[in-house]
């Protein structure tokens, strides 16, 4: 299951980045794949939680993952993949509340995708 979610998350995240910024970076593909797999794991770990709670957990985790990735690729390795220093309430220029809110919104269809794949594979 890991490979399905990782590859789909990587591909989708890369396409979102290309649509939004006209470019992406290999580190974002890893982040996207890891994020979707995490949403799958949260869905399994908290099956009775509401969609809103699952999305909140997902958004918080993905924001922490984005902070870790940003510190590594942007601050330590100086790859300059993104810079949120001009965004309000940013932390180290790597995360900000606006993108955390977007992670929450993106988690809604991501949870739907996870549920569809789980239902499909359960019936196989």
Protein backbone atom coordinates (compact mmCIF):
# COMPACT_ATOMS: atom_id res chain seq x y z
CA UNK A 1 0.00 0.00 0.00
CA UNK A 2 2.86 2.35 0.74
CA UNK A 3 3.94 2.45 -2.89
CA UNK A 4 0.44 3.25 -4.20
CA UNK A 5 -0.03 6.19 -1.87
CA UNK A 6 3.54 7.43 -2.13
CA UNK A 7 3.59 7.45 -5.94
CA UNK A 8 0.14 9.00 -6.26
CA UNK A 9 0.94 11.63 -3.61
CA UNK A 10 4.27 12.43 -5.25
CA UNK A 11 2.72 12.80 -8.68
CA UNK A 12 -0.24 14.86 -7.52
CA UNK A 13 1.87 17.15 -5.36
CA UNK A 14 4.29 17.72 -8.23
CA UNK A 15 1.42 18.58 -10.57
CA UNK A 16 -0.09 20.99 -8.04
CA UNK A 17 3.28 22.71 -7.67
CA UNK A 18 3.73 22.96 -11.44
CA UNK A 19 0.21 24.38 -11.82
CA UNK A 20 0.73 26.89 -8.98
CA UNK A 21 4.44 27.82 -9.33
CA UNK A 22 5.34 26.55 -12.83
CA UNK A 23 8.00 24.31 -11.30
CA UNK A 24 8.64 21.73 -8.62
CA UNK A 25 11.63 20.11 -6.93
CA UNK A 26 12.42 16.45 -6.22
CA UNK A 27 12.18 17.11 -2.47
CA UNK A 28 8.55 18.16 -2.95
CA UNK A 29 7.77 14.84 -4.59
CA UNK A 30 9.09 13.06 -1.50
CA UNK A 31 7.07 15.42 0.71
CA UNK A 32 3.88 14.82 -1.30
CA UNK A 33 4.28 11.05 -1.27
CA UNK A 34 4.98 10.99 2.44
CA UNK A 35 2.03 13.28 3.11
CA UNK A 36 -0.50 11.09 1.30
CA UNK A 37 0.83 7.95 2.95
CA UNK A 38 0.53 9.70 6.33
CA UNK A 39 -3.10 10.54 5.55
CA UNK A 40 -3.67 6.85 4.81
CA UNK A 41 -2.10 5.91 8.16
CA UNK A 42 -4.17 8.54 10.03
CA UNK A 43 -7.30 7.15 8.36
CA UNK A 44 -6.44 3.69 9.67
CA UNK A 45 -5.41 4.94 13.11
CA UNK A 46 -8.49 7.12 13.66
CA UNK A 47 -11.30 5.41 11.72
CA UNK A 48 -14.09 6.88 13.85
CA UNK A 49 -12.86 10.47 13.87
CA UNK A 50 -14.72 13.02 11.80
CA UNK A 51 -13.35 14.22 8.49
CA UNK A 52 -12.61 17.61 10.06
CA UNK A 53 -10.48 16.02 12.79
CA UNK A 54 -8.64 13.82 10.28
CA UNK A 55 -7.94 16.88 8.11
CA UNK A 56 -6.74 18.86 11.12
CA UNK A 57 -4.37 16.04 12.11
CA UNK A 58 -3.19 15.75 8.51
CA UNK A 59 -2.64 19.50 8.14
CA UNK A 60 -0.65 19.65 11.39
CA UNK A 61 1.52 16.68 10.39
CA UNK A 62 2.12 17.97 6.86
CA UNK A 63 3.01 21.42 8.23
CA UNK A 64 5.58 19.80 10.55
CA UNK A 65 6.87 17.73 7.63
CA UNK A 66 7.12 20.90 5.55
CA UNK A 67 9.06 22.63 8.35
CA UNK A 68 11.47 19.70 8.64
CA UNK A 69 11.92 19.52 4.87
CA UNK A 70 12.35 23.29 4.61
CA UNK A 71 14.98 23.39 7.32
CA UNK A 72 16.84 20.59 5.60
CA UNK A 73 16.65 21.62 1.93
CA UNK A 74 16.38 25.40 2.26
CA UNK A 75 18.30 26.38 5.38
CA UNK A 76 20.91 23.65 5.73
CA UNK A 77 21.54 22.64 2.09
CA UNK A 78 20.67 26.12 0.68
CA UNK A 79 18.61 24.71 -2.22
CA UNK A 80 16.13 27.63 -2.04
CA UNK A 81 13.11 25.54 -2.99
CA UNK A 82 10.66 27.94 -1.32
CA UNK A 83 10.68 30.99 0.91
CA UNK A 84 7.68 32.14 2.95
CA UNK A 85 9.48 35.03 4.68
CA UNK A 86 7.11 37.50 3.02
CA UNK A 87 4.04 35.67 4.39
CA UNK A 88 2.47 36.76 7.68
CA UNK A 89 3.28 34.75 10.81
CA UNK A 90 5.83 32.55 9.02
CA UNK A 91 8.30 30.44 10.97
CA UNK A 92 11.86 30.61 9.64
CA UNK A 93 10.39 31.35 6.21
CA UNK A 94 9.49 27.65 5.89
CA UNK A 95 5.88 27.39 7.09
CA UNK A 96 2.99 29.80 7.53
CA UNK A 97 -0.67 29.59 8.59
CA UNK A 98 -2.01 30.23 5.08
CA UNK A 99 -0.34 27.11 3.71
CA UNK A 100 -1.35 25.12 6.79
CA UNK A 101 -4.96 26.06 5.99
CA UNK A 102 -4.40 24.94 2.40
CA UNK A 103 -3.07 21.62 3.70
CA UNK A 104 -6.32 21.26 5.63
CA UNK A 105 -8.34 21.86 2.46
CA UNK A 106 -6.18 19.54 0.34
CA UNK A 107 -6.62 16.87 3.02
CA UNK A 108 -10.35 16.71 2.24
CA UNK A 109 -9.99 15.17 -1.26
CA UNK A 110 -6.91 13.26 -0.09
CA UNK A 111 -9.01 11.54 2.59
CA UNK A 112 -11.68 10.79 -0.01
CA UNK A 113 -9.03 9.23 -2.27
CA UNK A 114 -7.67 7.13 0.61
CA UNK A 115 -11.18 5.90 1.43
CA UNK A 116 -11.85 5.01 -2.21
CA UNK A 117 -8.61 3.04 -2.53
CA UNK A 118 -9.25 1.28 0.78
CA UNK A 119 -12.77 0.34 -0.32
CA UNK A 120 -11.54 -0.86 -3.72
CA UNK A 121 -8.71 -2.96 -2.32
CA UNK A 122 -10.94 -4.37 0.40
CA UNK A 123 -13.30 -5.77 -2.23
CA UNK A 124 -10.46 -7.41 -4.19
